[in-house]
PDB file of N, CA and C in Angstrom:
ATOM      1  N   GLN A   1     -14.480  11.998  -7.594  1.00  0.00           N
ATOM      2  CA  GLN A   1     -13.097  11.574  -7.817  1.00  0.00           C
ATOM      3  C   GLN A   1     -12.356  11.504  -6.497  1.00  0.00           C
ATOM      4  N   VAL A   2     -11.347  10.645  -6.487  1.00  0.00           N
ATOM      5  CA  VAL A   2     -10.512  10.467  -5.309  1.00  0.00           C
ATOM      6  C   VAL A   2      -9.051  10.666  -5.706  1.00  0.00           C
ATOM      7  N   GLN A   3      -8.324  11.398  -4.897  1.00  0.00           N
ATOM      8  CA  GLN A   3      -6.890  11.568  -5.108  1.00  0.00           C
ATOM      9  C   GLN A   3      -6.149  10.821  -3.998  1.00  0.00           C
ATOM     10  N   LEU A   4      -5.054  10.172  -4.390  1.00  0.00           N
ATOM     11  CA  LEU A   4      -4.270   9.362  -3.457  1.00  0.00           C
ATOM     12  C   LEU A   4      -2.815   9.811  -3.493  1.00  0.00           C
ATOM     13  N   VAL A   5      -2.226  10.005  -2.343  1.00  0.00           N
ATOM     14  CA  VAL A   5      -0.828  10.412  -2.259  1.00  0.00           C
ATOM     15  C   VAL A   5      -0.103   9.485  -1.301  1.00  0.00           C
ATOM     16  N   GLU A   6       0.901   8.774  -1.817  1.00  0.00           N
ATOM     17  CA  GLU A   6       1.709   7.869  -0.999  1.00  0.00           C
ATOM     18  C   GLU A   6       2.918   8.598  -0.432  1.00  0.00           C
ATOM     19  N   SER A   7       3.400   8.111   0.685  1.00  0.00           N
ATOM     20  CA  SER A   7       4.647   8.599   1.272  1.00  0.00           C
ATOM     21  C   SER A   7       5.233   7.504   2.148  1.00  0.00           C
ATOM     22  N   GLY A   8       6.505   7.692   2.496  1.00  0.00           N
ATOM     23  CA  GLY A   8       7.129   6.764   3.435  1.00  0.00           C
ATOM     24  C   GLY A   8       8.106   5.789   2.827  1.00  0.00           C
ATOM     25  N   GLY A   9       8.266   5.803   1.510  1.00  0.00           N
ATOM     26  CA  GLY A   9       9.227   4.898   0.901  1.00  0.00           C
ATOM     27  C   GLY A   9      10.652   5.324   1.200  1.00  0.00           C
ATOM     28  N   GLY A  10      11.589   4.482   0.814  1.00  0.00           N
ATOM     29  CA  GLY A  10      12.992   4.807   1.027  1.00  0.00           C
ATOM     30  C   GLY A  10      13.876   3.598   0.939  1.00  0.00           C
ATOM     31  N   LEU A  11      15.085   3.753   1.428  1.00  0.00           N
ATOM     32  CA  LEU A  11      16.091   2.690   1.424  1.00  0.00           C
ATOM     33  C   LEU A  11      16.209   2.122   2.830  1.00  0.00           C
ATOM     34  N   VAL A  12      16.171   0.798   2.919  1.00  0.00           N
ATOM     35  CA  VAL A  12      16.267   0.139   4.218  1.00  0.00           C
ATOM     36  C   VAL A  12      17.095  -1.133   4.058  1.00  0.00           C
ATOM     37  N   GLN A  13      17.733  -1.536   5.119  1.00  0.00           N
ATOM     38  CA  GLN A  13      18.537  -2.757   5.081  1.00  0.00           C
ATOM     39  C   GLN A  13      17.657  -3.995   5.231  1.00  0.00           C
ATOM     40  N   HIS A  14      18.167  -5.112   4.746  1.00  0.00           N
ATOM     41  CA  HIS A  14      17.537  -6.422   4.917  1.00  0.00           C
ATOM     42  C   HIS A  14      17.206  -6.621   6.394  1.00  0.00           C
ATOM     43  N   GLY A  15      15.940  -6.939   6.667  1.00  0.00           N
ATOM     44  CA  GLY A  15      15.482  -7.145   8.029  1.00  0.00           C
ATOM     45  C   GLY A  15      14.895  -5.916   8.677  1.00  0.00           C
ATOM     46  N   GLY A  16      14.984  -4.787   7.998  1.00  0.00           N
ATOM     47  CA  GLY A  16      14.474  -3.540   8.542  1.00  0.00           C
ATOM     48  C   GLY A  16      12.987  -3.362   8.335  1.00  0.00           C
ATOM     49  N   SER A  17      12.503  -2.197   8.724  1.00  0.00           N
ATOM     50  CA  SER A  17      11.078  -1.886   8.645  1.00  0.00           C
ATOM     51  C   SER A  17      10.851  -0.529   7.997  1.00  0.00           C
ATOM     52  N   LEU A  18       9.682  -0.401   7.389  1.00  0.00           N
ATOM     53  CA  LEU A  18       9.216   0.863   6.838  1.00  0.00           C
ATOM     54  C   LEU A  18       7.712   0.931   7.014  1.00  0.00           C
ATOM     55  N   ARG A  19       7.188   2.143   7.093  1.00  0.00           N
ATOM     56  CA  ARG A  19       5.744   2.327   7.102  1.00  0.00           C
ATOM     57  C   ARG A  19       5.361   3.263   5.969  1.00  0.00           C
ATOM     58  N   LEU A  20       4.526   2.757   5.080  1.00  0.00           N
ATOM     59  CA  LEU A  20       4.005   3.572   3.996  1.00  0.00           C
ATOM     60  C   LEU A  20       2.660   4.167   4.406  1.00  0.00           C
ATOM     61  N   SER A  21       2.397   5.364   3.900  1.00  0.00           N
ATOM     62  CA  SER A  21       1.117   6.025   4.138  1.00  0.00           C
ATOM     63  C   SER A  21       0.463   6.344   2.801  1.00  0.00           C
ATOM     64  N   CYS A  22      -0.850   6.332   2.798  1.00  0.00           N
ATOM     65  CA  CYS A  22      -1.618   6.725   1.613  1.00  0.00           C
ATOM     66  C   CYS A  22      -2.749   7.629   2.083  1.00  0.00           C
ATOM     67  N   ALA A  23      -2.651   8.891   1.728  1.00  0.00           N
ATOM     68  CA  ALA A  23      -3.673   9.855   2.124  1.00  0.00           C
ATOM     69  C   ALA A  23      -4.664  10.045   0.984  1.00  0.00           C
ATOM     70  N   ALA A  24      -5.931   9.878   1.288  1.00  0.00           N
ATOM     71  CA  ALA A  24      -6.987  10.029   0.295  1.00  0.00           C
ATOM     72  C   ALA A  24      -7.689  11.369   0.478  1.00  0.00           C
ATOM     73  N   SER A  25      -8.076  11.965  -0.636  1.00  0.00           N
ATOM     74  CA  SER A  25      -8.847  13.207  -0.594  1.00  0.00           C
ATOM     75  C   SER A  25      -9.877  13.186  -1.717  1.00  0.00           C
ATOM     76  N   GLY A  26     -10.773  14.130  -1.671  1.00  0.00           N
ATOM     77  CA  GLY A  26     -11.847  14.165  -2.665  1.00  0.00           C
ATOM     78  C   GLY A  26     -13.080  13.474  -2.128  1.00  0.00           C
ATOM     79  N   SER A  27     -13.679  12.644  -2.941  1.00  0.00           N
ATOM     80  CA  SER A  27     -14.921  11.950  -2.577  1.00  0.00           C
ATOM     81  C   SER A  27     -14.629  10.696  -1.755  1.00  0.00           C
ATOM     82  N   THR A  28     -14.050  10.907  -0.585  1.00  0.00           N
ATOM     83  CA  THR A  28     -13.601   9.764   0.231  1.00  0.00           C
ATOM     84  C   THR A  28     -14.759   8.941   0.773  1.00  0.00           C
ATOM     85  N   SER A  29     -15.939   9.526   0.853  1.00  0.00           N
ATOM     86  CA  SER A  29     -17.090   8.768   1.363  1.00  0.00           C
ATOM     87  C   SER A  29     -17.511   7.660   0.404  1.00  0.00           C
ATOM     88  N   THR A  30     -17.017   7.691  -0.831  1.00  0.00           N
ATOM     89  CA  THR A  30     -17.364   6.659  -1.820  1.00  0.00           C
ATOM     90  C   THR A  30     -16.391   5.476  -1.810  1.00  0.00           C
ATOM     91  N   ILE A  31     -15.346   5.562  -1.011  1.00  0.00           N
ATOM     92  CA  ILE A  31     -14.330   4.489  -0.973  1.00  0.00           C
ATOM     93  C   ILE A  31     -14.897   3.263  -0.271  1.00  0.00           C
ATOM     94  N   ARG A  32     -14.761   2.109  -0.895  1.00  0.00           N
ATOM     95  CA  ARG A  32     -15.216   0.834  -0.333  1.00  0.00           C
ATOM     96  C   ARG A  32     -14.052  -0.072   0.035  1.00  0.00           C
ATOM     97  N   ALA A  33     -12.927   0.136  -0.575  1.00  0.00           N
ATOM     98  CA  ALA A  33     -11.737  -0.654  -0.235  1.00  0.00           C
ATOM     99  C   ALA A  33     -10.505   0.108  -0.702  1.00  0.00           C
ATOM    100  N   MET A  34      -9.413  -0.146   0.003  1.00  0.00           N
ATOM    101  CA  MET A  34      -8.123   0.420  -0.402  1.00  0.00           C
ATOM    102  C   MET A  34      -7.086  -0.686  -0.373  1.00  0.00           C
ATOM    103  N   GLY A  35      -6.018  -0.462  -1.103  1.00  0.00           N
ATOM    104  CA  GLY A  35      -5.017  -1.509  -1.147  1.00  0.00           C
ATOM    105  C   GLY A  35      -3.655  -1.001  -1.561  1.00  0.00           C
ATOM    106  N   TRP A  36      -2.712  -1.905  -1.470  1.00  0.00           N
ATOM    107  CA  TRP A  36      -1.335  -1.650  -1.901  1.00  0.00           C
ATOM    108  C   TRP A  36      -0.955  -2.690  -2.939  1.00  0.00           C
ATOM    109  N   ALA A  37      -0.277  -2.229  -3.955  1.00  0.00           N
ATOM    110  CA  ALA A  37       0.286  -3.126  -4.957  1.00  0.00           C
ATOM    111  C   ALA A  37       1.707  -2.663  -5.218  1.00  0.00           C
ATOM    112  N   ARG A  38       2.522  -3.561  -5.749  1.00  0.00           N
ATOM    113  CA  ARG A  38       3.906  -3.191  -6.042  1.00  0.00           C
ATOM    114  C   ARG A  38       4.291  -3.647  -7.438  1.00  0.00           C
ATOM    115  N   HIS A  39       5.259  -2.938  -7.992  1.00  0.00           N
ATOM    116  CA  HIS A  39       5.672  -3.212  -9.360  1.00  0.00           C
ATOM    117  C   HIS A  39       7.176  -3.147  -9.471  1.00  0.00           C
ATOM    118  N   VAL A  40       7.722  -4.185 -10.082  1.00  0.00           N
ATOM    119  CA  VAL A  40       9.131  -4.239 -10.433  1.00  0.00           C
ATOM    120  C   VAL A  40       9.207  -4.224 -11.953  1.00  0.00           C
ATOM    121  N   PRO A  41      10.026  -3.383 -12.537  1.00  0.00           N
ATOM    122  CA  PRO A  41      10.136  -3.327 -14.007  1.00  0.00           C
ATOM    123  C   PRO A  41      10.360  -4.707 -14.605  1.00  0.00           C
ATOM    124  N   GLY A  42       9.572  -5.028 -15.623  1.00  0.00           N
ATOM    125  CA  GLY A  42       9.685  -6.329 -16.266  1.00  0.00           C
ATOM    126  C   GLY A  42       8.720  -7.353 -15.713  1.00  0.00           C
ATOM    127  N   ASN A  43       8.104  -7.028 -14.581  1.00  0.00           N
ATOM    128  CA  ASN A  43       7.129  -7.934 -13.962  1.00  0.00           C
ATOM    129  C   ASN A  43       5.743  -7.296 -13.953  1.00  0.00           C
ATOM    130  N   GLN A  44       4.737  -8.126 -13.706  1.00  0.00           N
ATOM    131  CA  GLN A  44       3.394  -7.594 -13.547  1.00  0.00           C
ATOM    132  C   GLN A  44       3.246  -6.953 -12.176  1.00  0.00           C
ATOM    133  N   ARG A  45       2.309  -6.002 -12.090  1.00  0.00           N
ATOM    134  CA  ARG A  45       2.017  -5.398 -10.806  1.00  0.00           C
ATOM    135  C   ARG A  45       1.404  -6.461  -9.894  1.00  0.00           C
ATOM    136  N   GLU A  46       1.876  -6.511  -8.658  1.00  0.00           N
ATOM    137  CA  GLU A  46       1.451  -7.536  -7.706  1.00  0.00           C
ATOM    138  C   GLU A  46       0.629  -6.916  -6.584  1.00  0.00           C
ATOM    139  N   ALA A  47      -0.565  -7.426  -6.355  1.00  0.00           N
ATOM    140  CA  ALA A  47      -1.359  -6.963  -5.218  1.00  0.00           C
ATOM    141  C   ALA A  47      -0.699  -7.449  -3.931  1.00  0.00           C
ATOM    142  N   VAL A  48      -0.552  -6.560  -2.977  1.00  0.00           N
ATOM    143  CA  VAL A  48       0.163  -6.874  -1.737  1.00  0.00           C
ATOM    144  C   VAL A  48      -0.800  -7.005  -0.555  1.00  0.00           C
ATOM    145  N   ALA A  49      -1.655  -6.006  -0.382  1.00  0.00           N
ATOM    146  CA  ALA A  49      -2.568  -6.013   0.760  1.00  0.00           C
ATOM    147  C   ALA A  49      -3.796  -5.189   0.426  1.00  0.00           C
ATOM    148  N   THR A  50      -4.912  -5.598   1.021  1.00  0.00           N
ATOM    149  CA  THR A  50      -6.180  -4.904   0.805  1.00  0.00           C
ATOM    150  C   THR A  50      -6.901  -4.752   2.131  1.00  0.00           C
ATOM    151  N   ILE A  51      -7.594  -3.631   2.286  1.00  0.00           N
ATOM    152  CA  ILE A  51      -8.443  -3.434   3.465  1.00  0.00           C
ATOM    153  C   ILE A  51      -9.757  -2.800   3.002  1.00  0.00           C
ATOM    154  N   THR A  52     -10.861  -3.347   3.484  1.00  0.00           N
ATOM    155  CA  THR A  52     -12.167  -2.827   3.092  1.00  0.00           C
ATOM    156  C   THR A  52     -12.679  -1.802   4.103  1.00  0.00           C
ATOM    157  N   ASP A  53     -13.822  -1.231   3.790  1.00  0.00           N
ATOM    158  CA  ASP A  53     -14.394  -0.236   4.698  1.00  0.00           C
ATOM    159  C   ASP A  53     -14.970  -0.881   5.949  1.00  0.00           C
ATOM    160  N   THR A  54     -14.982  -2.208   6.002  1.00  0.00           N
ATOM    161  CA  THR A  54     -15.375  -2.928   7.231  1.00  0.00           C
ATOM    162  C   THR A  54     -14.155  -3.539   7.907  1.00  0.00           C
ATOM    163  N   ASP A  55     -12.957  -3.149   7.433  1.00  0.00           N
ATOM    164  CA  ASP A  55     -11.680  -3.588   8.013  1.00  0.00           C
ATOM    165  C   ASP A  55     -11.360  -5.057   7.749  1.00  0.00           C
ATOM    166  N   TYR A  56     -11.996  -5.638   6.755  1.00  0.00           N
ATOM    167  CA  TYR A  56     -11.543  -6.955   6.297  1.00  0.00           C
ATOM    168  C   TYR A  56     -10.216  -6.758   5.571  1.00  0.00           C
ATOM    169  N   THR A  57      -9.250  -7.624   5.868  1.00  0.00           N
ATOM    170  CA  THR A  57      -7.944  -7.497   5.229  1.00  0.00           C
ATOM    171  C   THR A  57      -7.567  -8.766   4.485  1.00  0.00           C
ATOM    172  N   HIS A  58      -6.731  -8.595   3.471  1.00  0.00           N
ATOM    173  CA  HIS A  58      -6.230  -9.722   2.690  1.00  0.00           C
ATOM    174  C   HIS A  58      -4.809  -9.413   2.277  1.00  0.00           C
ATOM    175  N   TYR A  59      -3.956 -10.444   2.333  1.00  0.00           N
ATOM    176  CA  TYR A  59      -2.545 -10.262   2.025  1.00  0.00           C
ATOM    177  C   TYR A  59      -2.079 -11.269   0.977  1.00  0.00           C
ATOM    178  N   ALA A  60      -1.109 -10.853   0.193  1.00  0.00           N
ATOM    179  CA  ALA A  60      -0.428 -11.789  -0.683  1.00  0.00           C
ATOM    180  C   ALA A  60       0.371 -12.762   0.192  1.00  0.00           C
ATOM    181  N   ASP A  61       0.501 -13.994  -0.285  1.00  0.00           N
ATOM    182  CA  ASP A  61       1.237 -14.990   0.500  1.00  0.00           C
ATOM    183  C   ASP A  61       2.674 -14.539   0.778  1.00  0.00           C
ATOM    184  N   SER A  62       3.235 -13.793  -0.158  1.00  0.00           N
ATOM    185  CA  SER A  62       4.641 -13.395  -0.038  1.00  0.00           C
ATOM    186  C   SER A  62       4.890 -12.405   1.106  1.00  0.00           C
ATOM    187  N   VAL A  63       3.825 -11.779   1.633  1.00  0.00           N
ATOM    188  CA  VAL A  63       4.027 -10.777   2.694  1.00  0.00           C
ATOM    189  C   VAL A  63       3.299 -11.133   3.990  1.00  0.00           C
ATOM    190  N   LYS A  64       2.552 -12.211   3.990  1.00  0.00           N
ATOM    191  CA  LYS A  64       1.804 -12.600   5.194  1.00  0.00           C
ATOM    192  C   LYS A  64       2.747 -12.779   6.371  1.00  0.00           C
ATOM    193  N   GLY A  65       2.352 -12.211   7.503  1.00  0.00           N
ATOM    194  CA  GLY A  65       3.159 -12.310   8.704  1.00  0.00           C
ATOM    195  C   GLY A  65       4.231 -11.239   8.807  1.00  0.00           C
ATOM    196  N   ARG A  66       4.464 -10.508   7.722  1.00  0.00           N
ATOM    197  CA  ARG A  66       5.480  -9.445   7.735  1.00  0.00           C
ATOM    198  C   ARG A  66       4.872  -8.063   7.530  1.00  0.00           C
ATOM    199  N   PHE A  67       3.815  -7.984   6.730  1.00  0.00           N
ATOM    200  CA  PHE A  67       3.177  -6.698   6.419  1.00  0.00           C
ATOM    201  C   PHE A  67       1.824  -6.616   7.110  1.00  0.00           C
ATOM    202  N   THR A  68       1.449  -5.421   7.532  1.00  0.00           N
ATOM    203  CA  THR A  68       0.138  -5.188   8.137  1.00  0.00           C
ATOM    204  C   THR A  68      -0.471  -3.919   7.539  1.00  0.00           C
ATOM    205  N   VAL A  69      -1.709  -4.042   7.086  1.00  0.00           N
ATOM    206  CA  VAL A  69      -2.409  -2.888   6.533  1.00  0.00           C
ATOM    207  C   VAL A  69      -3.490  -2.441   7.517  1.00  0.00           C
ATOM    208  N   VAL A  70      -3.519  -1.171   7.776  1.00  0.00           N
ATOM    209  CA  VAL A  70      -4.531  -0.595   8.664  1.00  0.00           C
ATOM    210  C   VAL A  70      -5.007   0.712   8.031  1.00  0.00           C
ATOM    211  N   ARG A  71      -6.126   1.198   8.521  1.00  0.00           N
ATOM    212  CA  ARG A  71      -6.626   2.492   8.039  1.00  0.00           C
ATOM    213  C   ARG A  71      -7.102   3.325   9.211  1.00  0.00           C
ATOM    214  N   ASP A  72      -6.992   4.646   9.037  1.00  0.00           N
ATOM    215  CA  ASP A  72      -7.531   5.590  10.006  1.00  0.00           C
ATOM    216  C   ASP A  72      -8.603   6.372   9.273  1.00  0.00           C
ATOM    217  N   ALA A  73      -9.838   5.985   9.499  1.00  0.00           N
ATOM    218  CA  ALA A  73     -10.941   6.594   8.766  1.00  0.00           C
ATOM    219  C   ALA A  73     -11.077   8.084   9.089  1.00  0.00           C
ATOM    220  N   THR A  74     -10.677   8.475  10.280  1.00  0.00           N
ATOM    221  CA  THR A  74     -10.808   9.887  10.662  1.00  0.00           C
ATOM    222  C   THR A  74      -9.842  10.765   9.879  1.00  0.00           C
ATOM    223  N   LYS A  75      -8.748  10.160   9.398  1.00  0.00           N
ATOM    224  CA  LYS A  75      -7.749  10.904   8.634  1.00  0.00           C
ATOM    225  C   LYS A  75      -7.777  10.546   7.151  1.00  0.00           C
ATOM    226  N   ASN A  76      -8.693   9.646   6.764  1.00  0.00           N
ATOM    227  CA  ASN A  76      -8.753   9.178   5.373  1.00  0.00           C
ATOM    228  C   ASN A  76      -7.383   8.694   4.912  1.00  0.00           C
ATOM    229  N   THR A  77      -6.712   7.968   5.766  1.00  0.00           N
ATOM    230  CA  THR A  77      -5.356   7.517   5.483  1.00  0.00           C
ATOM    231  C   THR A  77      -5.228   6.022   5.747  1.00  0.00           C
ATOM    232  N   MET A  78      -4.515   5.357   4.858  1.00  0.00           N
ATOM    233  CA  MET A  78      -4.214   3.928   4.999  1.00  0.00           C
ATOM    234  C   MET A  78      -2.709   3.785   5.191  1.00  0.00           C
ATOM    235  N   TYR A  79      -2.321   2.803   5.972  1.00  0.00           N
ATOM    236  CA  TYR A  79      -0.911   2.577   6.251  1.00  0.00           C
ATOM    237  C   TYR A  79      -0.536   1.134   5.911  1.00  0.00           C
ATOM    238  N   LEU A  80       0.715   0.954   5.531  1.00  0.00           N
ATOM    239  CA  LEU A  80       1.254  -0.390   5.338  1.00  0.00           C
ATOM    240  C   LEU A  80       2.529  -0.485   6.173  1.00  0.00           C
ATOM    241  N   GLN A  81       2.442  -1.217   7.256  1.00  0.00           N
ATOM    242  CA  GLN A  81       3.618  -1.462   8.092  1.00  0.00           C
ATOM    243  C   GLN A  81       4.342  -2.674   7.533  1.00  0.00           C
ATOM    244  N   MET A  82       5.582  -2.481   7.156  1.00  0.00           N
ATOM    245  CA  MET A  82       6.364  -3.534   6.537  1.00  0.00           C
ATOM    246  C   MET A  82       7.533  -3.875   7.452  1.00  0.00           C
ATOM    247  N   ASN A  83       7.558  -5.090   7.968  1.00  0.00           N
ATOM    248  CA  ASN A  83       8.612  -5.550   8.858  1.00  0.00           C
ATOM    249  C   ASN A  83       9.393  -6.681   8.204  1.00  0.00           C
ATOM    250  N   ASN A  84      10.587  -6.913   8.732  1.00  0.00           N
ATOM    251  CA  ASN A  84      11.435  -7.994   8.237  1.00  0.00           C
ATOM    252  C   ASN A  84      11.548  -7.947   6.715  1.00  0.00           C
ATOM    253  N   LEU A  85      11.891  -6.795   6.216  1.00  0.00           N
ATOM    254  CA  LEU A  85      11.969  -6.600   4.770  1.00  0.00           C
ATOM    255  C   LEU A  85      13.123  -7.393   4.170  1.00  0.00           C
ATOM    256  N   ILE A  86      12.897  -7.871   2.960  1.00  0.00           N
ATOM    257  CA  ILE A  86      13.895  -8.637   2.223  1.00  0.00           C
ATOM    258  C   ILE A  86      14.119  -7.965   0.865  1.00  0.00           C
ATOM    259  N   PRO A  87      15.244  -8.248   0.211  1.00  0.00           N
ATOM    260  CA  PRO A  87      15.514  -7.605  -1.084  1.00  0.00           C
ATOM    261  C   PRO A  87      14.404  -7.804  -2.112  1.00  0.00           C
ATOM    262  N   ASP A  88      13.705  -8.950  -2.055  1.00  0.00           N
ATOM    263  CA  ASP A  88      12.609  -9.184  -3.007  1.00  0.00           C
ATOM    264  C   ASP A  88      11.429  -8.246  -2.805  1.00  0.00           C
ATOM    265  N   ASP A  89      11.415  -7.507  -1.712  1.00  0.00           N
ATOM    266  CA  ASP A  89      10.363  -6.522  -1.497  1.00  0.00           C
ATOM    267  C   ASP A  89      10.642  -5.212  -2.236  1.00  0.00           C
ATOM    268  N   THR A  90      11.826  -5.090  -2.813  1.00  0.00           N
ATOM    269  CA  THR A  90      12.172  -3.884  -3.556  1.00  0.00           C
ATOM    270  C   THR A  90      11.229  -3.692  -4.734  1.00  0.00           C
ATOM    271  N   ALA A  91      10.595  -2.520  -4.789  1.00  0.00           N
ATOM    272  CA  ALA A  91       9.613  -2.246  -5.834  1.00  0.00           C
ATOM    273  C   ALA A  91       9.093  -0.827  -5.664  1.00  0.00           C
ATOM    274  N   VAL A  92       8.317  -0.380  -6.638  1.00  0.00           N
ATOM    275  CA  VAL A  92       7.515   0.822  -6.460  1.00  0.00           C
ATOM    276  C   VAL A  92       6.167   0.377  -5.900  1.00  0.00           C
ATOM    277  N   TYR A  93       5.781   0.965  -4.794  1.00  0.00           N
ATOM    278  CA  TYR A  93       4.537   0.602  -4.127  1.00  0.00           C
ATOM    279  C   TYR A  93       3.466   1.640  -4.458  1.00  0.00           C
ATOM    280  N   TYR A  94       2.318   1.142  -4.896  1.00  0.00           N
ATOM    281  CA  TYR A  94       1.209   1.995  -5.293  1.00  0.00           C
ATOM    282  C   TYR A  94       0.024   1.775  -4.364  1.00  0.00           C
ATOM    283  N   CYS A  95      -0.617   2.866  -4.029  1.00  0.00           N
ATOM    284  CA  CYS A  95      -1.860   2.848  -3.269  1.00  0.00           C
ATOM    285  C   CYS A  95      -3.035   2.852  -4.252  1.00  0.00           C
ATOM    286  N   SER A  96      -4.081   2.138  -3.913  1.00  0.00           N
ATOM    287  CA  SER A  96      -5.261   2.129  -4.760  1.00  0.00           C
ATOM    288  C   SER A  96      -6.517   2.281  -3.915  1.00  0.00           C
ATOM    289  N   ALA A  97      -7.556   2.756  -4.554  1.00  0.00           N
ATOM    290  CA  ALA A  97      -8.853   2.873  -3.897  1.00  0.00           C
ATOM    291  C   ALA A  97      -9.938   2.418  -4.858  1.00  0.00           C
ATOM    292  N   ILE A  98     -10.853   1.610  -4.334  1.00  0.00           N
ATOM    293  CA  ILE A  98     -12.024   1.195  -5.105  1.00  0.00           C
ATOM    294  C   ILE A  98     -13.218   1.937  -4.524  1.00  0.00           C
ATOM    295  N   THR A  99     -13.913   2.660  -5.384  1.00  0.00           N
ATOM    296  CA  THR A  99     -15.043   3.457  -4.925  1.00  0.00           C
ATOM    297  C   THR A  99     -16.324   2.987  -5.596  1.00  0.00           C
ATOM    298  N   THR A 100     -17.390   3.602  -5.257  1.00  0.00           N
ATOM    299  CA  THR A 100     -18.686   3.254  -5.854  1.00  0.00           C
ATOM    300  C   THR A 100     -18.755   3.672  -7.322  1.00  0.00           C
ATOM    301  N   THR A 101     -17.785   4.486  -7.752  1.00  0.00           N
ATOM    302  CA  THR A 101     -17.830   4.971  -9.135  1.00  0.00           C
ATOM    303  C   THR A 101     -16.616   4.552  -9.956  1.00  0.00           C
ATOM    304  N   GLY A 102     -15.642   3.913  -9.330  1.00  0.00           N
ATOM    305  CA  GLY A 102     -14.473   3.491 -10.088  1.00  0.00           C
ATOM    306  C   GLY A 102     -13.262   3.270  -9.217  1.00  0.00           C
ATOM    307  N   GLY A 103     -12.128   3.048  -9.869  1.00  0.00           N
ATOM    308  CA  GLY A 103     -10.886   2.796  -9.155  1.00  0.00           C
ATOM    309  C   GLY A 103      -9.860   3.885  -9.410  1.00  0.00           C
ATOM    310  N   TYR A 104      -8.975   4.078  -8.434  1.00  0.00           N
ATOM    311  CA  TYR A 104      -7.958   5.127  -8.518  1.00  0.00           C
ATOM    312  C   TYR A 104      -6.623   4.593  -8.020  1.00  0.00           C
ATOM    313  N   TRP A 105      -5.544   5.201  -8.544  1.00  0.00           N
ATOM    314  CA  TRP A 105      -4.188   4.836  -8.147  1.00  0.00           C
ATOM    315  C   TRP A 105      -3.432   6.089  -7.727  1.00  0.00           C
ATOM    316  N   GLY A 106      -2.503   5.895  -6.813  1.00  0.00           N
ATOM    317  CA  GLY A 106      -1.568   6.948  -6.476  1.00  0.00           C
ATOM    318  C   GLY A 106      -0.396   6.950  -7.431  1.00  0.00           C
ATOM    319  N   GLN A 107       0.571   7.823  -7.152  1.00  0.00           N
ATOM    320  CA  GLN A 107       1.699   7.978  -8.076  1.00  0.00           C
ATOM    321  C   GLN A 107       2.834   7.008  -7.777  1.00  0.00           C
ATOM    322  N   GLY A 108       2.788   6.366  -6.622  1.00  0.00           N
ATOM    323  CA  GLY A 108       3.798   5.374  -6.272  1.00  0.00           C
ATOM    324  C   GLY A 108       4.914   5.937  -5.415  1.00  0.00           C
ATOM    325  N   THR A 109       5.504   5.055  -4.614  1.00  0.00           N
ATOM    326  CA  THR A 109       6.657   5.408  -3.792  1.00  0.00           C
ATOM    327  C   THR A 109       7.652   4.254  -3.825  1.00  0.00           C
ATOM    328  N   GLN A 110       8.921   4.588  -3.990  1.00  0.00           N
ATOM    329  CA  GLN A 110       9.953   3.564  -4.154  1.00  0.00           C
ATOM    330  C   GLN A 110      10.373   3.001  -2.802  1.00  0.00           C
ATOM    331  N   VAL A 111      10.436   1.693  -2.734  1.00  0.00           N
ATOM    332  CA  VAL A 111      10.998   0.990  -1.574  1.00  0.00           C
ATOM    333  C   VAL A 111      12.164   0.156  -2.072  1.00  0.00           C
ATOM    334  N   THR A 112      13.316   0.360  -1.464  1.00  0.00           N
ATOM    335  CA  THR A 112      14.514  -0.386  -1.836  1.00  0.00           C
ATOM    336  C   THR A 112      15.087  -1.046  -0.594  1.00  0.00           C
ATOM    337  N   VAL A 113      15.263  -2.362  -0.670  1.00  0.00           N
ATOM    338  CA  VAL A 113      15.808  -3.128   0.444  1.00  0.00           C
ATOM    339  C   VAL A 113      17.177  -3.647   0.035  1.00  0.00           C
ATOM    340  N   SER A 114      18.186  -3.222   0.757  1.00  0.00           N
ATOM    341  CA  SER A 114      19.544  -3.635   0.430  1.00  0.00           C
ATOM    342  C   SER A 114      19.882  -4.957   1.119  1.00  0.00           C
ATOM    343  N   SER A 115      20.720  -5.734   0.470  1.00  0.00           N
ATOM    344  CA  SER A 115      21.085  -7.049   1.034  1.00  0.00           C
ATOM    345  C   SER A 115      22.311  -6.948   1.925  1.00  0.00           C
TER     346      SER A 115
END
């Protein structure tokens, strides 16, 4: 099993930046990819960014050029650097991990971008 804990959310002004962190623990050697998704009440959860264990990355079109996902394998931690934030980025952001035995989600962290 893998446990995921997000941190770094908060309130930021339009055009500002935030960095989210996702710390993984447990059977971290089984992780093959990690990612970020976001959810706004009334909408479906949206995949935002993904990074594999070979550092291949993929981004949603809505965040390309503004968000960057990186990982520090030595700390079992993934980061999402979010720049030039806009009000439409307001959501609960969830960390996920895909392992050799299944998928896991964190508890989420709120990001609010004021206009």
